[in-house]
Amino acid sequence: MEQAAIRAGARQWARRALDLLLPPQCLACDRQVAEPGRLCPRCFGQIDLIGNPLCAICGLPFEFAGAPERICGACAADPPPFTRARAAARYGDRIRDALLGFKHGDRADRAVGLARLVARAGQPWLAHADMVTGVPLHPRRLLHRRYNQATLVADLLARDAGVPGVPDLMLRTRATRTQGGLSGAGRRRNLRGAFAVNPAHKGRVSGAHVVLVDDVITTGATVTECARVLKRAGAAEITVLGIARVVRTGHATHIQSI
């Protein structure tokens, strides 16, 4: 007990010393904050967190409250292969600034704060998951970027939830062009056949509840293709969690109940 207290005290002093040398900054701007991995009050106030009411399957926010198990028209017409998808916030200026630094600015330290936001959205399902993994990058892109931002967040979520993190559960078997500028149908074509379950883990997927993490859910093409592959490998339940979601005006006009 005494040794544990000494170690905890040493960690606290080490963090204080580091904070003096490198004061913690807001996830989205350069303002100083009290703790690493936090948003300043101004940026936090400008982030649109996603909560109810939303589609029970894809997590698309609805404009008006209603039955808790409502689903959007898209999910009613063509149910996705995942069980549910949730994102922490709508994609907007402040969350975009945080993500750009995290994804392209070599700011891997932002993973802790962003994982906290995702944990809020995924809390009901993380504790019951069998494993957590991130959407994989192709090896060439991973070499260029040096880390997979989705995997960093997935590992933190797994650790805090006390469930296994399996960073190499899925493989990106084909290099694809960037999704930017492609239509929804174009994104789906671009990703067809681009993912596979790692043969080393196929036995773990059968009958499992897999939590799949991505950074931004735009049209959902990437997580849908990954979920389809996991489903074919026998996954019983797939929860998709994203840091942010692109929500376009008019997307939530058609609603059905289940």
C-alpha atoms as a PDB file:
ATOM      1  CA  MET A   1       0.000   0.000   0.000  1.00  0.00           C
ATOM      2  CA  GLU A   2       2.816   2.382   0.913  1.00  0.00           C
ATOM      3  CA  GLN A   3       4.687   1.626  -2.318  1.00  0.00           C
ATOM      4  CA  ALA A   4       1.519   2.215  -4.362  1.00  0.00           C
ATOM      5  CA  ALA A   5       1.052   5.602  -2.679  1.00  0.00           C
ATOM      6  CA  ILE A   6       4.685   6.502  -3.409  1.00  0.00           C
ATOM      7  CA  ARG A   7       4.280   5.557  -7.079  1.00  0.00           C
ATOM      8  CA  ALA A   8       1.040   7.543  -7.350  1.00  0.00           C
ATOM      9  CA  GLY A   9       2.727  10.564  -5.768  1.00  0.00           C
ATOM     10  CA  ALA A  10       5.677  10.251  -8.137  1.00  0.00           C
ATOM     11  CA  ARG A  11       3.353  10.169 -11.139  1.00  0.00           C
ATOM     12  CA  GLN A  12       1.519  13.232  -9.875  1.00  0.00           C
ATOM     13  CA  TRP A  13       4.740  15.207  -9.419  1.00  0.00           C
ATOM     14  CA  ALA A  14       6.013  14.063 -12.822  1.00  0.00           C
ATOM     15  CA  ARG A  15       2.817  15.301 -14.463  1.00  0.00           C
ATOM     16  CA  ARG A  16       3.044  18.630 -12.669  1.00  0.00           C
ATOM     17  CA  ALA A  17       6.646  19.027 -13.827  1.00  0.00           C
ATOM     18  CA  LEU A  18       5.637  18.208 -17.404  1.00  0.00           C
ATOM     19  CA  ASP A  19       2.754  20.685 -17.226  1.00  0.00           C
ATOM     20  CA  LEU A  20       5.194  23.417 -16.184  1.00  0.00           C
ATOM     21  CA  LEU A  21       7.415  22.664 -19.181  1.00  0.00           C
ATOM     22  CA  LEU A  22       4.584  22.001 -21.637  1.00  0.00           C
ATOM     23  CA  PRO A  23       1.300  23.484 -20.345  1.00  0.00           C
ATOM     24  CA  PRO A  24      -1.674  21.377 -21.496  1.00  0.00           C
ATOM     25  CA  GLN A  25      -3.562  22.854 -24.423  1.00  0.00           C
ATOM     26  CA  CYS A  26      -7.169  22.645 -25.552  1.00  0.00           C
ATOM     27  CA  LEU A  27      -7.884  19.793 -27.970  1.00  0.00           C
ATOM     28  CA  ALA A  28      -9.155  22.214 -30.600  1.00  0.00           C
ATOM     29  CA  CYS A  29      -7.173  25.434 -30.064  1.00  0.00           C
ATOM     30  CA  ASP A  30      -3.998  26.682 -28.368  1.00  0.00           C
ATOM     31  CA  ARG A  31      -5.598  27.913 -25.154  1.00  0.00           C
ATOM     32  CA  GLN A  32      -4.190  26.529 -21.932  1.00  0.00           C
ATOM     33  CA  VAL A  33      -6.431  24.139 -19.989  1.00  0.00           C
ATOM     34  CA  ALA A  34      -6.226  22.614 -16.517  1.00  0.00           C
ATOM     35  CA  GLU A  35      -5.585  19.030 -17.651  1.00  0.00           C
ATOM     36  CA  PRO A  36      -4.259  17.348 -20.792  1.00  0.00           C
ATOM     37  CA  GLY A  37      -6.898  16.036 -23.172  1.00  0.00           C
ATOM     38  CA  ARG A  38      -9.531  18.650 -22.344  1.00  0.00           C
ATOM     39  CA  LEU A  39     -11.419  21.279 -24.313  1.00  0.00           C
ATOM     40  CA  CYS A  40     -11.404  24.887 -23.184  1.00  0.00           C
ATOM     41  CA  PRO A  41     -14.848  26.228 -22.167  1.00  0.00           C
ATOM     42  CA  ARG A  42     -15.156  28.233 -25.405  1.00  0.00           C
ATOM     43  CA  CYS A  43     -14.475  25.244 -27.677  1.00  0.00           C
ATOM     44  CA  PHE A  44     -16.587  22.873 -25.593  1.00  0.00           C
ATOM     45  CA  GLY A  45     -19.497  25.277 -25.920  1.00  0.00           C
ATOM     46  CA  GLN A  46     -19.120  25.196 -29.709  1.00  0.00           C
ATOM     47  CA  ILE A  47     -19.163  21.400 -30.022  1.00  0.00           C
ATOM     48  CA  ASP A  48     -22.585  19.961 -30.817  1.00  0.00           C
ATOM     49  CA  LEU A  49     -22.706  16.695 -28.862  1.00  0.00           C
ATOM     50  CA  ILE A  50     -25.131  14.121 -30.264  1.00  0.00           C
ATOM     51  CA  GLY A  51     -27.836  12.809 -27.961  1.00  0.00           C
ATOM     52  CA  ASN A  52     -31.464  11.773 -28.156  1.00  0.00           C
ATOM     53  CA  PRO A  53     -33.565  11.896 -30.232  1.00  0.00           C
ATOM     54  CA  LEU A  54     -31.753   9.804 -32.823  1.00  0.00           C
ATOM     55  CA  CYS A  55     -32.171   6.766 -35.065  1.00  0.00           C
ATOM     56  CA  ALA A  56     -31.961   3.612 -32.941  1.00  0.00           C
ATOM     57  CA  ILE A  57     -29.791   1.946 -35.591  1.00  0.00           C
ATOM     58  CA  CYS A  58     -27.496   4.423 -37.353  1.00  0.00           C
ATOM     59  CA  GLY A  59     -27.566   7.154 -34.687  1.00  0.00           C
ATOM     60  CA  LEU A  60     -28.692   9.892 -37.085  1.00  0.00           C
ATOM     61  CA  PRO A  61     -30.014  12.805 -34.990  1.00  0.00           C
ATOM     62  CA  PHE A  62     -33.696  13.649 -35.355  1.00  0.00           C
ATOM     63  CA  GLU A  63     -35.021  17.177 -35.147  1.00  0.00           C
ATOM     64  CA  PHE A  64     -38.013  16.281 -32.959  1.00  0.00           C
ATOM     65  CA  ALA A  65     -38.535  13.934 -30.020  1.00  0.00           C
ATOM     66  CA  GLY A  66     -40.670  10.816 -30.407  1.00  0.00           C
ATOM     67  CA  ALA A  67     -40.679   7.087 -29.689  1.00  0.00           C
ATOM     68  CA  PRO A  68     -37.273   5.965 -28.370  1.00  0.00           C
ATOM     69  CA  GLU A  69     -36.913   3.111 -30.888  1.00  0.00           C
ATOM     70  CA  ARG A  70     -37.553   5.139 -34.048  1.00  0.00           C
ATOM     71  CA  ILE A  71     -35.389   4.451 -37.070  1.00  0.00           C
ATOM     72  CA  CYS A  72     -34.655   6.661 -40.050  1.00  0.00           C
ATOM     73  CA  GLY A  73     -35.982   5.972 -43.531  1.00  0.00           C
ATOM     74  CA  ALA A  74     -32.589   4.824 -44.838  1.00  0.00           C
ATOM     75  CA  CYS A  75     -32.257   2.139 -42.146  1.00  0.00           C
ATOM     76  CA  ALA A  76     -35.861   1.035 -42.682  1.00  0.00           C
ATOM     77  CA  ALA A  77     -35.326   0.673 -46.442  1.00  0.00           C
ATOM     78  CA  ASP A  78     -31.886  -0.932 -46.285  1.00  0.00           C
ATOM     79  CA  PRO A  79     -30.837  -2.071 -42.780  1.00  0.00           C
ATOM     80  CA  PRO A  80     -27.061  -1.797 -42.317  1.00  0.00           C
ATOM     81  CA  PRO A  81     -24.951  -4.811 -41.296  1.00  0.00           C
ATOM     82  CA  PHE A  82     -24.023  -3.236 -37.954  1.00  0.00           C
ATOM     83  CA  THR A  83     -26.323  -3.417 -34.923  1.00  0.00           C
ATOM     84  CA  ARG A  84     -26.005   0.264 -34.035  1.00  0.00           C
ATOM     85  CA  ALA A  85     -23.796   3.277 -34.697  1.00  0.00           C
ATOM     86  CA  ARG A  86     -23.212   6.274 -32.454  1.00  0.00           C
ATOM     87  CA  ALA A  87     -20.952   9.323 -32.739  1.00  0.00           C
ATOM     88  CA  ALA A  88     -19.900  11.753 -30.040  1.00  0.00           C
ATOM     89  CA  ALA A  89     -20.527  15.007 -31.911  1.00  0.00           C
ATOM     90  CA  ARG A  90     -21.705  16.533 -35.154  1.00  0.00           C
ATOM     91  CA  TYR A  91     -18.829  17.326 -37.489  1.00  0.00           C
ATOM     92  CA  GLY A  92     -18.312  21.084 -37.207  1.00  0.00           C
ATOM     93  CA  ASP A  93     -15.613  23.708 -36.819  1.00  0.00           C
ATOM     94  CA  ARG A  94     -14.341  22.909 -33.315  1.00  0.00           C
ATOM     95  CA  ILE A  95     -14.394  19.121 -33.567  1.00  0.00           C
ATOM     96  CA  ARG A  96     -12.884  19.417 -37.068  1.00  0.00           C
ATOM     97  CA  ASP A  97      -9.971  21.440 -35.665  1.00  0.00           C
ATOM     98  CA  ALA A  98      -9.368  18.804 -33.007  1.00  0.00           C
ATOM     99  CA  LEU A  99      -9.510  15.983 -35.566  1.00  0.00           C
ATOM    100  CA  LEU A 100      -7.277  17.618 -38.168  1.00  0.00           C
ATOM    101  CA  GLY A 101      -4.465  17.995 -35.663  1.00  0.00           C
ATOM    102  CA  PHE A 102      -5.029  14.452 -34.410  1.00  0.00           C
ATOM    103  CA  LYS A 103      -5.213  12.863 -37.848  1.00  0.00           C
ATOM    104  CA  HIS A 104      -2.753  14.902 -39.908  1.00  0.00           C
ATOM    105  CA  GLY A 105      -0.843  17.107 -37.451  1.00  0.00           C
ATOM    106  CA  ASP A 106       1.062  14.418 -35.541  1.00  0.00           C
ATOM    107  CA  ARG A 107      -1.001  15.165 -32.412  1.00  0.00           C
ATOM    108  CA  ALA A 108      -1.458  11.617 -31.148  1.00  0.00           C
ATOM    109  CA  ASP A 109      -1.750  13.077 -27.638  1.00  0.00           C
ATOM    110  CA  ARG A 110      -5.281  14.186 -28.522  1.00  0.00           C
ATOM    111  CA  ALA A 111      -6.442  10.561 -28.496  1.00  0.00           C
ATOM    112  CA  VAL A 112      -7.094  10.652 -24.733  1.00  0.00           C
ATOM    113  CA  GLY A 113      -9.493  13.589 -24.846  1.00  0.00           C
ATOM    114  CA  LEU A 114     -11.262  12.392 -27.980  1.00  0.00           C
ATOM    115  CA  ALA A 115     -11.672   8.915 -26.489  1.00  0.00           C
ATOM    116  CA  ARG A 116     -13.445  10.519 -23.520  1.00  0.00           C
ATOM    117  CA  LEU A 117     -15.997  12.049 -25.898  1.00  0.00           C
ATOM    118  CA  VAL A 118     -16.537   8.722 -27.666  1.00  0.00           C
ATOM    119  CA  ALA A 119     -16.879   6.851 -24.361  1.00  0.00           C
ATOM    120  CA  ARG A 120     -19.789   9.131 -23.479  1.00  0.00           C
ATOM    121  CA  ALA A 121     -21.610   8.097 -26.656  1.00  0.00           C
ATOM    122  CA  GLY A 122     -20.733   4.401 -26.400  1.00  0.00           C
ATOM    123  CA  GLN A 123     -20.931   3.818 -22.651  1.00  0.00           C
ATOM    124  CA  PRO A 124     -24.059   1.583 -22.708  1.00  0.00           C
ATOM    125  CA  TRP A 125     -22.356  -0.951 -25.020  1.00  0.00           C
ATOM    126  CA  LEU A 126     -18.626  -0.787 -24.282  1.00  0.00           C
ATOM    127  CA  ALA A 127     -18.910  -2.640 -20.981  1.00  0.00           C
ATOM    128  CA  HIS A 128     -20.670  -5.562 -22.714  1.00  0.00           C
ATOM    129  CA  ALA A 129     -18.339  -5.828 -25.698  1.00  0.00           C
ATOM    130  CA  ASP A 130     -16.103  -8.820 -26.313  1.00  0.00           C
ATOM    131  CA  MET A 131     -13.462  -6.730 -28.098  1.00  0.00           C
ATOM    132  CA  VAL A 132     -12.766  -3.250 -29.446  1.00  0.00           C
ATOM    133  CA  THR A 133     -10.930  -2.462 -32.673  1.00  0.00           C
ATOM    134  CA  GLY A 134     -10.351   0.466 -35.016  1.00  0.00           C
ATOM    135  CA  VAL A 135     -11.000   0.749 -38.748  1.00  0.00           C
ATOM    136  CA  PRO A 136      -7.661  -0.329 -40.250  1.00  0.00           C
ATOM    137  CA  LEU A 137      -5.354   1.710 -42.467  1.00  0.00           C
ATOM    138  CA  HIS A 138      -3.531   0.261 -45.451  1.00  0.00           C
ATOM    139  CA  PRO A 139       0.140  -0.420 -44.536  1.00  0.00           C
ATOM    140  CA  ARG A 140       1.369   2.253 -46.967  1.00  0.00           C
ATOM    141  CA  ARG A 141      -0.865   4.919 -45.438  1.00  0.00           C
ATOM    142  CA  LEU A 142       0.048   3.774 -41.930  1.00  0.00           C
ATOM    143  CA  LEU A 143       3.736   4.121 -42.784  1.00  0.00           C
ATOM    144  CA  HIS A 144       3.129   7.655 -44.030  1.00  0.00           C
ATOM    145  CA  ARG A 145       0.944   8.721 -41.087  1.00  0.00           C
ATOM    146  CA  ARG A 146       2.900   6.709 -38.461  1.00  0.00           C
ATOM    147  CA  TYR A 147      -0.172   5.822 -36.414  1.00  0.00           C
ATOM    148  CA  ASN A 148      -3.792   4.844 -36.914  1.00  0.00           C
ATOM    149  CA  GLN A 149      -5.950   7.418 -35.150  1.00  0.00           C
ATOM    150  CA  ALA A 150      -8.943   5.067 -34.912  1.00  0.00           C
ATOM    151  CA  THR A 151      -6.816   2.365 -33.283  1.00  0.00           C
ATOM    152  CA  LEU A 152      -5.405   4.794 -30.709  1.00  0.00           C
ATOM    153  CA  VAL A 153      -8.921   5.755 -29.614  1.00  0.00           C
ATOM    154  CA  ALA A 154     -10.104   2.117 -29.722  1.00  0.00           C
ATOM    155  CA  ASP A 155      -7.260   0.982 -27.450  1.00  0.00           C
ATOM    156  CA  LEU A 156      -8.077   3.680 -24.890  1.00  0.00           C
ATOM    157  CA  LEU A 157     -11.774   2.790 -24.951  1.00  0.00           C
ATOM    158  CA  ALA A 158     -10.955  -0.894 -24.461  1.00  0.00           C
ATOM    159  CA  ARG A 159      -8.582  -0.180 -21.583  1.00  0.00           C
ATOM    160  CA  ASP A 160     -11.037   2.050 -19.733  1.00  0.00           C
ATOM    161  CA  ALA A 161     -13.950  -0.361 -20.288  1.00  0.00           C
ATOM    162  CA  GLY A 162     -11.880  -3.339 -19.180  1.00  0.00           C
ATOM    163  CA  VAL A 163     -12.420  -5.313 -22.402  1.00  0.00           C
ATOM    164  CA  PRO A 164      -9.817  -6.636 -24.874  1.00  0.00           C
ATOM    165  CA  GLY A 165      -8.467  -4.240 -27.473  1.00  0.00           C
ATOM    166  CA  VAL A 166      -7.544  -6.038 -30.708  1.00  0.00           C
ATOM    167  CA  PRO A 167      -5.818  -3.464 -32.933  1.00  0.00           C
ATOM    168  CA  ASP A 168      -5.097  -5.949 -35.729  1.00  0.00           C
ATOM    169  CA  LEU A 169      -8.518  -7.619 -35.782  1.00  0.00           C
ATOM    170  CA  MET A 170      -9.110  -6.301 -39.309  1.00  0.00           C
ATOM    171  CA  LEU A 171      -6.779  -5.765 -42.242  1.00  0.00           C
ATOM    172  CA  ARG A 172      -6.938  -3.274 -45.082  1.00  0.00           C
ATOM    173  CA  THR A 173      -6.058  -5.554 -47.973  1.00  0.00           C
ATOM    174  CA  ARG A 174      -6.301  -3.044 -50.793  1.00  0.00           C
ATOM    175  CA  ALA A 175      -5.091   0.527 -51.054  1.00  0.00           C
ATOM    176  CA  THR A 176      -8.013   2.765 -51.995  1.00  0.00           C
ATOM    177  CA  ARG A 177      -8.154   6.333 -53.217  1.00  0.00           C
ATOM    178  CA  THR A 178      -9.199   8.938 -50.676  1.00  0.00           C
ATOM    179  CA  GLN A 179     -12.944   9.085 -50.045  1.00  0.00           C
ATOM    180  CA  GLY A 180     -13.040  12.893 -50.278  1.00  0.00           C
ATOM    181  CA  GLY A 181     -15.103  14.129 -53.207  1.00  0.00           C
ATOM    182  CA  LEU A 182     -16.792  10.781 -53.870  1.00  0.00           C
ATOM    183  CA  SER A 183     -20.548  10.286 -53.784  1.00  0.00           C
ATOM    184  CA  GLY A 184     -22.104   7.757 -51.424  1.00  0.00           C
ATOM    185  CA  ALA A 185     -22.237   5.167 -54.208  1.00  0.00           C
ATOM    186  CA  GLY A 186     -18.678   6.037 -55.227  1.00  0.00           C
ATOM    187  CA  ARG A 187     -17.451   5.545 -51.672  1.00  0.00           C
ATOM    188  CA  ARG A 188     -19.089   2.122 -51.510  1.00  0.00           C
ATOM    189  CA  ARG A 189     -17.504   1.047 -54.807  1.00  0.00           C
ATOM    190  CA  ASN A 190     -14.141   2.389 -53.698  1.00  0.00           C
ATOM    191  CA  LEU A 191     -14.174   0.251 -50.536  1.00  0.00           C
ATOM    192  CA  ARG A 192     -15.546  -2.972 -51.960  1.00  0.00           C
ATOM    193  CA  GLY A 193     -13.176  -5.821 -51.099  1.00  0.00           C
ATOM    194  CA  ALA A 194     -10.787  -3.505 -49.224  1.00  0.00           C
ATOM    195  CA  PHE A 195     -11.115  -5.135 -45.777  1.00  0.00           C
ATOM    196  CA  ALA A 196     -10.692  -8.588 -44.281  1.00  0.00           C
ATOM    197  CA  VAL A 197     -10.698 -10.157 -40.840  1.00  0.00           C
ATOM    198  CA  ASN A 198      -7.175 -11.083 -39.765  1.00  0.00           C
ATOM    199  CA  PRO A 199      -6.910 -14.902 -40.092  1.00  0.00           C
ATOM    200  CA  ALA A 200      -5.179 -14.955 -36.705  1.00  0.00           C
ATOM    201  CA  HIS A 201      -8.371 -13.689 -35.045  1.00  0.00           C
ATOM    202  CA  LYS A 202     -11.153 -15.316 -37.050  1.00  0.00           C
ATOM    203  CA  GLY A 203     -11.973 -17.713 -34.230  1.00  0.00           C
ATOM    204  CA  ARG A 204     -12.515 -14.812 -31.832  1.00  0.00           C
ATOM    205  CA  VAL A 205     -15.046 -13.034 -34.036  1.00  0.00           C
ATOM    206  CA  SER A 206     -17.622 -15.823 -34.273  1.00  0.00           C
ATOM    207  CA  GLY A 207     -20.505 -15.070 -31.895  1.00  0.00           C
ATOM    208  CA  ALA A 208     -18.779 -11.964 -30.516  1.00  0.00           C
ATOM    209  CA  HIS A 209     -19.940  -8.413 -29.841  1.00  0.00           C
ATOM    210  CA  VAL A 210     -17.384  -6.267 -31.658  1.00  0.00           C
ATOM    211  CA  VAL A 211     -17.046  -2.516 -31.111  1.00  0.00           C
ATOM    212  CA  LEU A 212     -15.659  -0.874 -34.254  1.00  0.00           C
ATOM    213  CA  VAL A 213     -14.184   2.633 -33.938  1.00  0.00           C
ATOM    214  CA  ASP A 214     -13.727   5.245 -36.674  1.00  0.00           C
ATOM    215  CA  ASP A 215     -12.835   8.930 -36.526  1.00  0.00           C
ATOM    216  CA  VAL A 216     -15.474  10.534 -38.774  1.00  0.00           C
ATOM    217  CA  ILE A 217     -18.646   8.882 -40.066  1.00  0.00           C
ATOM    218  CA  THR A 218     -19.502  10.682 -43.294  1.00  0.00           C
ATOM    219  CA  THR A 219     -21.803   8.514 -45.412  1.00  0.00           C
ATOM    220  CA  GLY A 220     -21.105   5.418 -43.319  1.00  0.00           C
ATOM    221  CA  ALA A 221     -19.579   3.559 -46.276  1.00  0.00           C
ATOM    222  CA  THR A 222     -16.359   2.614 -44.443  1.00  0.00           C
ATOM    223  CA  VAL A 223     -17.950   1.273 -41.259  1.00  0.00           C
ATOM    224  CA  THR A 224     -20.664  -0.460 -43.284  1.00  0.00           C
ATOM    225  CA  GLU A 225     -18.093  -2.335 -45.366  1.00  0.00           C
ATOM    226  CA  CYS A 226     -16.102  -3.275 -42.244  1.00  0.00           C
ATOM    227  CA  ALA A 227     -19.278  -4.435 -40.487  1.00  0.00           C
ATOM    228  CA  ARG A 228     -20.236  -6.527 -43.507  1.00  0.00           C
ATOM    229  CA  VAL A 229     -16.883  -8.315 -43.325  1.00  0.00           C
ATOM    230  CA  LEU A 230     -17.229  -8.863 -39.565  1.00  0.00           C
ATOM    231  CA  LYS A 231     -20.762 -10.190 -40.044  1.00  0.00           C
ATOM    232  CA  ARG A 232     -19.547 -12.679 -42.646  1.00  0.00           C
ATOM    233  CA  ALA A 233     -16.935 -13.843 -40.134  1.00  0.00           C
ATOM    234  CA  GLY A 234     -19.711 -14.603 -37.651  1.00  0.00           C
ATOM    235  CA  ALA A 235     -19.913 -11.516 -35.420  1.00  0.00           C
ATOM    236  CA  ALA A 236     -23.193 -11.591 -33.494  1.00  0.00           C
ATOM    237  CA  GLU A 237     -23.338  -7.888 -32.651  1.00  0.00           C
ATOM    238  CA  ILE A 238     -21.467  -4.898 -34.059  1.00  0.00           C
ATOM    239  CA  THR A 239     -21.454  -1.479 -32.390  1.00  0.00           C
ATOM    240  CA  VAL A 240     -19.889   1.324 -34.421  1.00  0.00           C
ATOM    241  CA  LEU A 241     -18.515   4.311 -32.505  1.00  0.00           C
ATOM    242  CA  GLY A 242     -17.253   7.506 -34.131  1.00  0.00           C
ATOM    243  CA  ILE A 243     -15.698  10.700 -32.835  1.00  0.00           C
ATOM    244  CA  ALA A 244     -17.805  12.816 -35.174  1.00  0.00           C
ATOM    245  CA  ARG A 245     -20.576  12.402 -37.687  1.00  0.00           C
ATOM    246  CA  VAL A 246     -21.421  14.499 -40.725  1.00  0.00           C
ATOM    247  CA  VAL A 247     -25.094  15.464 -40.473  1.00  0.00           C
ATOM    248  CA  ARG A 248     -26.616  17.166 -43.499  1.00  0.00           C
ATOM    249  CA  THR A 249     -29.841  19.162 -43.351  1.00  0.00           C
ATOM    250  CA  GLY A 250     -32.849  17.087 -44.337  1.00  0.00           C
ATOM    251  CA  HIS A 251     -31.310  13.689 -43.575  1.00  0.00           C
ATOM    252  CA  ALA A 252     -33.742  12.980 -40.749  1.00  0.00           C
ATOM    253  CA  THR A 253     -37.019  13.801 -42.458  1.00  0.00           C
ATOM    254  CA  HIS A 254     -38.280  10.245 -42.982  1.00  0.00           C
ATOM    255  CA  ILE A 255     -38.843   8.341 -39.740  1.00  0.00           C
ATOM    256  CA  GLN A 256     -40.319   4.951 -38.892  1.00  0.00           C
ATOM    257  CA  SER A 257     -40.876   3.143 -35.597  1.00  0.00           C
ATOM    258  CA  ILE A 258     -39.697  -0.333 -34.672  1.00  0.00           C
END
